[in-house]
Structure formats: C-alpha cells, structure tokens
PDB file of N, CA and C in Angstrom:
ATOM      1  N   MET A   1      11.892   5.328  -4.302  1.00  0.00           N
ATOM      2  CA  MET A   1      12.232   6.171  -3.077  1.00  0.00           C
ATOM      3  C   MET A   1      11.281   5.318  -1.637  1.00  0.00           C
ATOM      4  N   LYS A   2      11.361   6.454  -0.625  1.00  0.00           N
ATOM      5  CA  LYS A   2      10.947   5.710   0.389  1.00  0.00           C
ATOM      6  C   LYS A   2       9.552   5.885   0.849  1.00  0.00           C
ATOM      7  N   SER A   3       8.946   5.200   1.312  1.00  0.00           N
ATOM      8  CA  SER A   3       7.553   5.560   1.436  1.00  0.00           C
ATOM      9  C   SER A   3       7.012   6.794   2.156  1.00  0.00           C
ATOM     10  N   ILE A   4       6.218   7.447   1.339  1.00  0.00           N
ATOM     11  CA  ILE A   4       5.416   8.488   1.795  1.00  0.00           C
ATOM     12  C   ILE A   4       4.175   8.283   3.030  1.00  0.00           C
ATOM     13  N   ILE A   5       3.853   6.697   3.086  1.00  0.00           N
ATOM     14  CA  ILE A   5       2.691   6.442   3.530  1.00  0.00           C
ATOM     15  C   ILE A   5       2.992   6.112   4.969  1.00  0.00           C
ATOM     16  N   GLN A   6       4.392   5.404   5.082  1.00  0.00           N
ATOM     17  CA  GLN A   6       4.445   4.821   6.670  1.00  0.00           C
ATOM     18  C   GLN A   6       6.171   5.043   6.752  1.00  0.00           C
ATOM     19  N   GLU A   7       6.293   5.471   7.962  1.00  0.00           N
ATOM     20  CA  GLU A   7       7.955   5.958   8.446  1.00  0.00           C
ATOM     21  C   GLU A   7       8.052   4.451   9.270  1.00  0.00           C
ATOM     22  N   ASP A   8       7.720   4.179   9.865  1.00  0.00           N
ATOM     23  CA  ASP A   8       7.281   2.919  10.506  1.00  0.00           C
ATOM     24  C   ASP A   8       7.854   1.424  10.136  1.00  0.00           C
ATOM     25  N   ARG A   9       9.040   0.918   9.867  1.00  0.00           N
ATOM     26  CA  ARG A   9       9.239  -0.202   9.187  1.00  0.00           C
ATOM     27  C   ARG A   9       9.341  -1.529  10.136  1.00  0.00           C
ATOM     28  N   GLU A  10       8.835  -1.037  11.348  1.00  0.00           N
ATOM     29  CA  GLU A  10       9.067  -2.322  12.665  1.00  0.00           C
ATOM     30  C   GLU A  10       7.589  -2.964  12.635  1.00  0.00           C
ATOM     31  N   HIS A  11       6.718  -2.358  12.111  1.00  0.00           N
ATOM     32  CA  HIS A  11       5.322  -2.481  12.535  1.00  0.00           C
ATOM     33  C   HIS A  11       4.245  -2.722  11.162  1.00  0.00           C
ATOM     34  N   CYS A  12       3.457  -3.826  10.993  1.00  0.00           N
ATOM     35  CA  CYS A  12       2.559  -3.905   9.966  1.00  0.00           C
ATOM     36  C   CYS A  12       1.312  -2.793   9.994  1.00  0.00           C
ATOM     37  N   PHE A  13       1.506  -1.838   8.936  1.00  0.00           N
ATOM     38  CA  PHE A  13       0.524  -1.095   8.319  1.00  0.00           C
ATOM     39  C   PHE A  13      -0.736  -1.412   9.006  1.00  0.00           C
ATOM     40  N   LEU A  14      -0.838  -2.785   8.567  1.00  0.00           N
ATOM     41  CA  LEU A  14      -2.623  -3.213   8.800  1.00  0.00           C
ATOM     42  C   LEU A  14      -2.955  -3.333  10.353  1.00  0.00           C
ATOM     43  N   CYS A  15      -2.273  -4.421  10.718  1.00  0.00           N
ATOM     44  CA  CYS A  15      -2.313  -4.886  11.843  1.00  0.00           C
ATOM     45  C   CYS A  15      -2.030  -4.008  13.092  1.00  0.00           C
ATOM     46  N   GLY A  16      -0.399  -3.546  12.951  1.00  0.00           N
ATOM     47  CA  GLY A  16       0.196  -2.939  13.863  1.00  0.00           C
ATOM     48  C   GLY A  16       1.381  -4.041  14.438  1.00  0.00           C
ATOM     49  N   ARG A  17       1.355  -5.306  14.096  1.00  0.00           N
ATOM     50  CA  ARG A  17       2.166  -6.220  14.635  1.00  0.00           C
ATOM     51  C   ARG A  17       3.574  -6.125  14.788  1.00  0.00           C
ATOM     52  N   ASN A  18       4.276  -6.094  15.469  1.00  0.00           N
ATOM     53  CA  ASN A  18       5.801  -5.841  15.234  1.00  0.00           C
ATOM     54  C   ASN A  18       6.239  -7.015  14.144  1.00  0.00           C
ATOM     55  N   ALA A  19       7.182  -6.474  13.431  1.00  0.00           N
ATOM     56  CA  ALA A  19       7.840  -7.618  12.603  1.00  0.00           C
ATOM     57  C   ALA A  19       8.220  -8.708  13.007  1.00  0.00           C
ATOM     58  N   ARG A  20       8.506  -8.726  14.381  1.00  0.00           N
ATOM     59  CA  ARG A  20       9.407 -10.253  14.809  1.00  0.00           C
ATOM     60  C   ARG A  20       8.105 -10.946  14.503  1.00  0.00           C
ATOM     61  N   ALA A  21       6.838 -10.635  14.776  1.00  0.00           N
ATOM     62  CA  ALA A  21       5.658 -11.664  15.192  1.00  0.00           C
ATOM     63  C   ALA A  21       5.619 -12.285  14.209  1.00  0.00           C
ATOM     64  N   ASP A  22       5.774 -12.058  12.498  1.00  0.00           N
ATOM     65  CA  ASP A  22       5.568 -12.917  11.883  1.00  0.00           C
ATOM     66  C   ASP A  22       6.808 -13.591  11.018  1.00  0.00           C
ATOM     67  N   TYR A  23       6.539 -14.874  10.930  1.00  0.00           N
ATOM     68  CA  TYR A  23       7.952 -15.874  10.587  1.00  0.00           C
ATOM     69  C   TYR A  23       8.225 -15.132   9.734  1.00  0.00           C
ATOM     70  N   TRP A  24       8.132 -14.346   8.268  1.00  0.00           N
ATOM     71  CA  TRP A  24       8.543 -13.987   7.349  1.00  0.00           C
ATOM     72  C   TRP A  24       8.732 -12.302   7.590  1.00  0.00           C
ATOM     73  N   GLY A  25       8.441 -11.960   8.551  1.00  0.00           N
ATOM     74  CA  GLY A  25       8.739 -10.374   9.009  1.00  0.00           C
ATOM     75  C   GLY A  25       8.135  -9.681   8.020  1.00  0.00           C
ATOM     76  N   LEU A  26       8.396  -8.256   7.976  1.00  0.00           N
ATOM     77  CA  LEU A  26       7.515  -7.529   7.225  1.00  0.00           C
ATOM     78  C   LEU A  26       7.913  -7.346   5.557  1.00  0.00           C
ATOM     79  N   GLU A  27       6.964  -7.238   4.780  1.00  0.00           N
ATOM     80  CA  GLU A  27       7.616  -7.207   3.480  1.00  0.00           C
ATOM     81  C   GLU A  27       6.784  -6.171   2.981  1.00  0.00           C
ATOM     82  N   GLU A  28       7.526  -5.453   1.687  1.00  0.00           N
ATOM     83  CA  GLU A  28       7.103  -3.995   1.147  1.00  0.00           C
ATOM     84  C   GLU A  28       6.329  -4.530   0.096  1.00  0.00           C
ATOM     85  N   HIS A  29       5.050  -3.892   0.271  1.00  0.00           N
ATOM     86  CA  HIS A  29       3.950  -3.512  -0.789  1.00  0.00           C
ATOM     87  C   HIS A  29       3.740  -2.622  -1.477  1.00  0.00           C
ATOM     88  N   HIS A  30       3.540  -2.803  -3.051  1.00  0.00           N
ATOM     89  CA  HIS A  30       3.714  -1.578  -3.776  1.00  0.00           C
ATOM     90  C   HIS A  30       2.250  -1.314  -3.806  1.00  0.00           C
ATOM     91  N   VAL A  31       1.361  -0.321  -3.255  1.00  0.00           N
ATOM     92  CA  VAL A  31      -0.041  -0.346  -3.178  1.00  0.00           C
ATOM     93  C   VAL A  31      -1.174  -0.539  -4.491  1.00  0.00           C
ATOM     94  N   PHE A  32      -0.366   0.215  -5.450  1.00  0.00           N
ATOM     95  CA  PHE A  32      -1.024   0.562  -7.071  1.00  0.00           C
ATOM     96  C   PHE A  32       0.162  -0.315  -7.664  1.00  0.00           C
ATOM     97  N   GLU A  33      -0.395  -1.546  -8.353  1.00  0.00           N
ATOM     98  CA  GLU A  33       0.577  -2.866  -9.056  1.00  0.00           C
ATOM     99  C   GLU A  33      -0.277  -3.001 -10.679  1.00  0.00           C
ATOM    100  N   GLY A  34       0.622  -3.697 -11.480  1.00  0.00           N
ATOM    101  CA  GLY A  34       0.095  -4.258 -12.640  1.00  0.00           C
ATOM    102  C   GLY A  34       0.187  -2.916 -13.349  1.00  0.00           C
ATOM    103  N   PHE A  35       0.418  -3.348 -14.662  1.00  0.00           N
ATOM    104  CA  PHE A  35       0.351  -2.462 -15.923  1.00  0.00           C
ATOM    105  C   PHE A  35       1.477  -1.349 -15.515  1.00  0.00           C
ATOM    106  N   GLY A  36       2.350  -1.423 -14.950  1.00  0.00           N
ATOM    107  CA  GLY A  36       3.318  -0.321 -14.669  1.00  0.00           C
ATOM    108  C   GLY A  36       3.305   0.533 -13.631  1.00  0.00           C
ATOM    109  N   LYS A  37       2.161   0.027 -12.785  1.00  0.00           N
ATOM    110  CA  LYS A  37       1.589   0.763 -11.609  1.00  0.00           C
ATOM    111  C   LYS A  37       2.402   0.642 -10.626  1.00  0.00           C
ATOM    112  N   ARG A  38       3.139  -0.616 -10.728  1.00  0.00           N
ATOM    113  CA  ARG A  38       3.958  -0.595  -9.686  1.00  0.00           C
ATOM    114  C   ARG A  38       5.289   0.233  -9.360  1.00  0.00           C
ATOM    115  N   LYS A  39       5.724   0.318 -10.697  1.00  0.00           N
ATOM    116  CA  LYS A  39       6.697   1.590 -11.020  1.00  0.00           C
ATOM    117  C   LYS A  39       6.234   2.657 -10.657  1.00  0.00           C
ATOM    118  N   LEU A  40       5.210   3.140 -10.846  1.00  0.00           N
ATOM    119  CA  LEU A  40       4.678   4.545 -10.489  1.00  0.00           C
ATOM    120  C   LEU A  40       4.503   4.494  -8.865  1.00  0.00           C
ATOM    121  N   SER A  41       4.057   3.329  -8.092  1.00  0.00           N
ATOM    122  CA  SER A  41       4.207   3.384  -6.586  1.00  0.00           C
ATOM    123  C   SER A  41       5.606   3.401  -6.152  1.00  0.00           C
ATOM    124  N   GLU A  42       6.557   3.258  -6.644  1.00  0.00           N
ATOM    125  CA  GLU A  42       7.755   3.238  -6.302  1.00  0.00           C
ATOM    126  C   GLU A  42       8.196   4.311  -6.395  1.00  0.00           C
ATOM    127  N   LYS A  43       7.795   5.106  -7.284  1.00  0.00           N
ATOM    128  CA  LYS A  43       8.356   6.134  -8.083  1.00  0.00           C
ATOM    129  C   LYS A  43       7.885   7.354  -7.127  1.00  0.00           C
ATOM    130  N   TYR A  44       6.427   7.393  -6.443  1.00  0.00           N
ATOM    131  CA  TYR A  44       5.631   8.011  -5.586  1.00  0.00           C
ATOM    132  C   TYR A  44       5.693   7.976  -4.346  1.00  0.00           C
ATOM    133  N   GLY A  45       6.164   6.709  -3.926  1.00  0.00           N
ATOM    134  CA  GLY A  45       6.479   6.147  -2.250  1.00  0.00           C
ATOM    135  C   GLY A  45       5.325   5.785  -2.123  1.00  0.00           C
ATOM    136  N   LEU A  46       4.394   4.991  -2.742  1.00  0.00           N
ATOM    137  CA  LEU A  46       3.033   4.558  -2.360  1.00  0.00           C
ATOM    138  C   LEU A  46       3.279   3.163  -2.223  1.00  0.00           C
ATOM    139  N   LYS A  47       3.811   2.976  -0.803  1.00  0.00           N
ATOM    140  CA  LYS A  47       4.066   1.673  -0.279  1.00  0.00           C
ATOM    141  C   LYS A  47       4.098   1.490   0.936  1.00  0.00           C
ATOM    142  N   VAL A  48       3.489   0.470   1.365  1.00  0.00           N
ATOM    143  CA  VAL A  48       3.446   0.138   3.310  1.00  0.00           C
ATOM    144  C   VAL A  48       4.513  -1.183   3.281  1.00  0.00           C
ATOM    145  N   TYR A  49       4.593  -1.447   4.724  1.00  0.00           N
ATOM    146  CA  TYR A  49       5.052  -2.695   5.232  1.00  0.00           C
ATOM    147  C   TYR A  49       4.148  -3.259   5.763  1.00  0.00           C
ATOM    148  N   LEU A  50       4.031  -4.733   5.659  1.00  0.00           N
ATOM    149  CA  LEU A  50       3.143  -5.761   5.748  1.00  0.00           C
ATOM    150  C   LEU A  50       3.700  -6.834   6.520  1.00  0.00           C
ATOM    151  N   CYS A  51       2.832  -7.663   7.252  1.00  0.00           N
ATOM    152  CA  CYS A  51       3.354  -8.751   7.767  1.00  0.00           C
ATOM    153  C   CYS A  51       3.171  -9.445   6.411  1.00  0.00           C
ATOM    154  N   GLY A  52       4.358 -10.474   6.485  1.00  0.00           N
ATOM    155  CA  GLY A  52       4.560 -11.220   5.186  1.00  0.00           C
ATOM    156  C   GLY A  52       3.411 -12.235   4.691  1.00  0.00           C
ATOM    157  N   ASP A  53       2.950 -13.141   5.910  1.00  0.00           N
ATOM    158  CA  ASP A  53       2.277 -13.877   5.709  1.00  0.00           C
ATOM    159  C   ASP A  53       0.676 -13.624   5.896  1.00  0.00           C
ATOM    160  N   ARG A  54       0.744 -13.048   7.020  1.00  0.00           N
ATOM    161  CA  ARG A  54      -0.869 -12.763   7.396  1.00  0.00           C
ATOM    162  C   ARG A  54      -1.545 -11.543   6.905  1.00  0.00           C
ATOM    163  N   CYS A  55      -0.992 -10.754   6.475  1.00  0.00           N
ATOM    164  CA  CYS A  55      -1.448  -9.361   5.972  1.00  0.00           C
ATOM    165  C   CYS A  55      -1.433  -9.165   4.344  1.00  0.00           C
ATOM    166  N   HIS A  56      -0.161  -9.755   3.890  1.00  0.00           N
ATOM    167  CA  HIS A  56       0.370  -9.081   2.285  1.00  0.00           C
ATOM    168  C   HIS A  56       0.009 -10.444   1.546  1.00  0.00           C
ATOM    169  N   ARG A  57       0.239 -11.555   1.986  1.00  0.00           N
ATOM    170  CA  ARG A  57       0.056 -12.747   1.048  1.00  0.00           C
ATOM    171  C   ARG A  57      -0.924 -13.785   1.422  1.00  0.00           C
ATOM    172  N   ASN A  58      -1.051 -14.366   2.579  1.00  0.00           N
ATOM    173  CA  ASN A  58      -1.764 -15.449   2.716  1.00  0.00           C
ATOM    174  C   ASN A  58      -2.847 -15.472   3.478  1.00  0.00           C
ATOM    175  N   GLY A  59      -2.866 -14.412   4.306  1.00  0.00           N
ATOM    176  CA  GLY A  59      -3.920 -14.697   5.549  1.00  0.00           C
ATOM    177  C   GLY A  59      -5.152 -14.317   4.831  1.00  0.00           C
ATOM    178  N   GLU A  60      -6.717 -14.502   5.528  1.00  0.00           N
ATOM    179  CA  GLU A  60      -7.767 -14.600   4.772  1.00  0.00           C
ATOM    180  C   GLU A  60      -8.136 -12.960   4.475  1.00  0.00           C
ATOM    181  N   ASP A  61      -7.359 -12.139   5.115  1.00  0.00           N
ATOM    182  CA  ASP A  61      -7.909 -10.522   5.209  1.00  0.00           C
ATOM    183  C   ASP A  61      -6.683 -10.082   4.570  1.00  0.00           C
ATOM    184  N   SER A  62      -5.632 -10.834   4.025  1.00  0.00           N
ATOM    185  CA  SER A  62      -4.203 -10.221   3.139  1.00  0.00           C
ATOM    186  C   SER A  62      -4.848  -9.651   1.904  1.00  0.00           C
ATOM    187  N   VAL A  63      -4.010  -8.222   1.666  1.00  0.00           N
ATOM    188  CA  VAL A  63      -4.342  -7.650   0.661  1.00  0.00           C
ATOM    189  C   VAL A  63      -4.126  -8.433  -0.677  1.00  0.00           C
ATOM    190  N   HIS A  64      -3.356  -9.479  -1.029  1.00  0.00           N
ATOM    191  CA  HIS A  64      -3.400 -10.148  -2.128  1.00  0.00           C
ATOM    192  C   HIS A  64      -4.489 -11.226  -2.298  1.00  0.00           C
ATOM    193  N   LYS A  65      -5.468 -11.656  -1.283  1.00  0.00           N
ATOM    194  CA  LYS A  65      -6.583 -12.508  -1.051  1.00  0.00           C
ATOM    195  C   LYS A  65      -7.562 -11.957  -1.073  1.00  0.00           C
ATOM    196  N   ASN A  66      -7.815 -10.774  -0.408  1.00  0.00           N
ATOM    197  CA  ASN A  66      -9.015 -10.005  -0.235  1.00  0.00           C
ATOM    198  C   ASN A  66      -9.385  -8.916  -1.228  1.00  0.00           C
ATOM    199  N   ALA A  67     -10.226  -8.691  -1.901  1.00  0.00           N
ATOM    200  CA  ALA A  67     -10.338  -7.610  -2.763  1.00  0.00           C
ATOM    201  C   ALA A  67     -10.647  -6.442  -1.916  1.00  0.00           C
ATOM    202  N   ARG A  68     -11.542  -6.652  -0.535  1.00  0.00           N
ATOM    203  CA  ARG A  68     -12.075  -5.572  -0.088  1.00  0.00           C
ATOM    204  C   ARG A  68     -10.784  -4.948   0.486  1.00  0.00           C
ATOM    205  N   ALA A  69     -10.016  -5.647   1.205  1.00  0.00           N
ATOM    206  CA  ALA A  69      -8.953  -5.178   2.151  1.00  0.00           C
ATOM    207  C   ALA A  69      -8.094  -4.688   1.004  1.00  0.00           C
ATOM    208  N   ASN A  70      -8.016  -5.241   0.033  1.00  0.00           N
ATOM    209  CA  ASN A  70      -6.789  -4.382  -1.028  1.00  0.00           C
ATOM    210  C   ASN A  70      -7.592  -3.352  -1.692  1.00  0.00           C
ATOM    211  N   ARG A  71      -8.438  -2.928  -1.848  1.00  0.00           N
ATOM    212  CA  ARG A  71      -9.243  -2.094  -2.090  1.00  0.00           C
ATOM    213  C   ARG A  71      -9.263  -0.874  -0.995  1.00  0.00           C
ATOM    214  N   ALA A  72      -9.520  -1.223   0.045  1.00  0.00           N
ATOM    215  CA  ALA A  72      -9.455  -0.391   1.302  1.00  0.00           C
ATOM    216  C   ALA A  72      -8.481   0.344   1.398  1.00  0.00           C
ATOM    217  N   LEU A  73      -7.141  -0.077   1.490  1.00  0.00           N
ATOM    218  CA  LEU A  73      -5.605   0.183   1.402  1.00  0.00           C
ATOM    219  C   LEU A  73      -5.510   1.065   0.494  1.00  0.00           C
ATOM    220  N   LYS A  74      -6.041   0.757  -1.103  1.00  0.00           N
ATOM    221  CA  LYS A  74      -5.920   1.746  -2.005  1.00  0.00           C
ATOM    222  C   LYS A  74      -6.306   2.857  -1.975  1.00  0.00           C
ATOM    223  N   LYS A  75      -7.693   3.120  -1.134  1.00  0.00           N
ATOM    224  CA  LYS A  75      -8.495   4.198  -0.892  1.00  0.00           C
ATOM    225  C   LYS A  75      -7.744   5.040  -0.006  1.00  0.00           C
ATOM    226  N   ILE A  76      -7.338   4.310   0.992  1.00  0.00           N
ATOM    227  CA  ILE A  76      -6.313   5.112   2.122  1.00  0.00           C
ATOM    228  C   ILE A  76      -5.019   5.770   1.822  1.00  0.00           C
ATOM    229  N   VAL A  77      -4.405   5.091   0.611  1.00  0.00           N
ATOM    230  CA  VAL A  77      -3.369   5.479  -0.087  1.00  0.00           C
ATOM    231  C   VAL A  77      -3.243   6.914  -0.888  1.00  0.00           C
ATOM    232  N   GLN A  78      -4.753   6.419  -1.750  1.00  0.00           N
ATOM    233  CA  GLN A  78      -4.832   7.750  -2.348  1.00  0.00           C
ATOM    234  C   GLN A  78      -4.906   9.032  -2.183  1.00  0.00           C
ATOM    235  N   LYS A  79      -5.897   8.831  -1.012  1.00  0.00           N
ATOM    236  CA  LYS A  79      -6.125   9.900  -0.088  1.00  0.00           C
ATOM    237  C   LYS A  79      -4.972  10.719   0.469  1.00  0.00           C
ATOM    238  N   ARG A  80      -3.938  10.020   0.931  1.00  0.00           N
ATOM    239  CA  ARG A  80      -2.496  10.410   1.449  1.00  0.00           C
ATOM    240  C   ARG A  80      -1.784  11.196  -0.090  1.00  0.00           C
ATOM    241  N   ALA A  81      -1.595  10.092  -0.619  1.00  0.00           N
ATOM    242  CA  ALA A  81      -0.827  10.774  -1.946  1.00  0.00           C
ATOM    243  C   ALA A  81      -1.491  11.841  -2.263  1.00  0.00           C
ATOM    244  N   MET A  82      -2.585  12.109  -2.461  1.00  0.00           N
ATOM    245  CA  MET A  82      -3.233  13.354  -3.168  1.00  0.00           C
ATOM    246  C   MET A  82      -2.808  14.471  -2.081  1.00  0.00           C
ATOM    247  N   GLN A  83      -2.861  14.280  -0.709  1.00  0.00           N
ATOM    248  CA  GLN A  83      -2.750  15.394   0.229  1.00  0.00           C
ATOM    249  C   GLN A  83      -1.272  15.560  -0.259  1.00  0.00           C
ATOM    250  N   TYR A  84      -0.284  14.658  -0.073  1.00  0.00           N
ATOM    251  CA  TYR A  84       1.279  14.608  -0.047  1.00  0.00           C
ATOM    252  C   TYR A  84       1.758  15.444  -1.237  1.00  0.00           C
ATOM    253  N   TRP A  85       1.214  15.154  -2.604  1.00  0.00           N
ATOM    254  CA  TRP A  85       1.746  15.320  -3.798  1.00  0.00           C
ATOM    255  C   TRP A  85       0.493  16.410  -4.110  1.00  0.00           C
ATOM    256  N   GLY A  86      -0.001  17.159  -3.553  1.00  0.00           N
ATOM    257  CA  GLY A  86      -1.080  18.228  -3.952  1.00  0.00           C
ATOM    258  C   GLY A  86      -2.000  18.057  -5.246  1.00  0.00           C
ATOM    259  N   TRP A  87      -2.131  16.622  -5.419  1.00  0.00           N
ATOM    260  CA  TRP A  87      -3.182  15.969  -6.564  1.00  0.00           C
ATOM    261  C   TRP A  87      -4.516  16.129  -6.486  1.00  0.00           C
ATOM    262  N   THR A  88      -5.297  16.442  -7.529  1.00  0.00           N
ATOM    263  CA  THR A  88      -6.492  16.218  -7.783  1.00  0.00           C
ATOM    264  C   THR A  88      -6.809  15.088  -7.908  1.00  0.00           C
ATOM    265  N   VAL A  89      -8.300  14.825  -7.422  1.00  0.00           N
ATOM    266  CA  VAL A  89      -8.734  13.365  -8.162  1.00  0.00           C
ATOM    267  C   VAL A  89      -8.593  13.095  -9.489  1.00  0.00           C
ATOM    268  N   GLU A  90      -8.674  14.189 -10.694  1.00  0.00           N
ATOM    269  CA  GLU A  90      -8.466  14.134 -11.949  1.00  0.00           C
ATOM    270  C   GLU A  90      -6.935  13.822 -12.157  1.00  0.00           C
ATOM    271  N   GLU A  91      -6.116  14.314 -11.421  1.00  0.00           N
ATOM    272  CA  GLU A  91      -4.516  14.603 -11.194  1.00  0.00           C
ATOM    273  C   GLU A  91      -4.263  12.813 -11.223  1.00  0.00           C
ATOM    274  N   PHE A  92      -4.890  12.189 -10.020  1.00  0.00           N
ATOM    275  CA  PHE A  92      -4.340  11.077  -9.634  1.00  0.00           C
ATOM    276  C   PHE A  92      -4.790   9.799 -10.809  1.00  0.00           C
ATOM    277  N   ILE A  93      -6.012  10.325 -11.046  1.00  0.00           N
ATOM    278  CA  ILE A  93      -6.718   9.207 -12.335  1.00  0.00           C
ATOM    279  C   ILE A  93      -5.470   9.572 -13.381  1.00  0.00           C
ATOM    280  N   GLY A  94      -4.960  10.483 -13.742  1.00  0.00           N
ATOM    281  CA  GLY A  94      -4.322  10.686 -14.800  1.00  0.00           C
ATOM    282  C   GLY A  94      -3.145   9.810 -14.924  1.00  0.00           C
ATOM    283  N   ILE A  95      -2.679   9.720 -13.404  1.00  0.00           N
ATOM    284  CA  ILE A  95      -1.559   8.844 -13.333  1.00  0.00           C
ATOM    285  C   ILE A  95      -1.632   7.319 -12.937  1.00  0.00           C
ATOM    286  N   PHE A  96      -2.688   7.198 -12.384  1.00  0.00           N
ATOM    287  CA  PHE A  96      -2.889   5.838 -12.179  1.00  0.00           C
ATOM    288  C   PHE A  96      -4.076   5.049 -12.683  1.00  0.00           C
ATOM    289  N   GLY A  97      -4.548   5.906 -13.540  1.00  0.00           N
ATOM    290  CA  GLY A  97      -5.588   5.503 -14.142  1.00  0.00           C
ATOM    291  C   GLY A  97      -7.147   5.040 -13.661  1.00  0.00           C
ATOM    292  N   LYS A  98      -7.324   5.282 -12.432  1.00  0.00           N
ATOM    293  CA  LYS A  98      -8.664   5.090 -11.670  1.00  0.00           C
ATOM    294  C   LYS A  98      -8.604   5.790 -10.283  1.00  0.00           C
ATOM    295  N   ASN A  99      -9.878   6.065 -10.041  1.00  0.00           N
ATOM    296  CA  ASN A  99     -10.160   6.775  -8.592  1.00  0.00           C
ATOM    297  C   ASN A  99     -10.614   5.411  -7.835  1.00  0.00           C
ATOM    298  N   TYR A 100      -9.944   5.267  -6.458  1.00  0.00           N
ATOM    299  CA  TYR A 100     -10.313   4.286  -5.589  1.00  0.00           C
ATOM    300  C   TYR A 100     -11.056   4.820  -4.282  1.00  0.00           C
ATOM    301  N   ILE A 101     -11.254   6.289  -4.232  1.00  0.00           N
ATOM    302  CA  ILE A 101     -12.011   6.876  -3.385  1.00  0.00           C
ATOM    303  C   ILE A 101     -13.404   6.819  -3.604  1.00  0.00           C
TER     304      ILE A 101
END
C-alpha cells in the first residue's frame, strides 16, 4: 500500500531536503518494524520517505541510530494512523502492541 502519511516522495519527511540532496536519495522507511510490524506498516501505509544517509540510516539523528528520533516519528505516525483509520488507542495497541503517544 502507498503511504498514508506522506504523498511527497521528492522530499525527506524529517528534514525536507530534496531527494537529490542525498547521495543515496530517499529511502522508504516502515515506521513500525520488527516482529511482523513491518508487514503491518506496509499493510496500513505507515511508511515515510527519508534521506538515505542522513535521516534514515547513518546520521546522528537518523531513525535507525537515534531512539528519540525514532520514537518521535512513531508518535507522529500513530496519531495520523489513528485519525486516518478511525482507530482508538486501544485498537492501535491491539494491532501494533504498543502505544507511542
């Protein structure tokens, strides 16, 4: 499923840089990962596009290296997902196993 969070695939969701500004371009990031949650992120469109090097994998504040950045993104996406899909917090927890708000 396409992202319900980000329609713009030309700019990083976190820093707003153009895709061409990063050597690797933008990479798709499934916001909820691990233990089958990546498939759920795909199913419900809970993914964003991030600068491959700076915001996704290697930067000091990248979601794969900085727990605070990762949690902040999960919080934003949980709120949007609940609004989009009409879920309560309890329903979200039933699907993803945890509340990030």
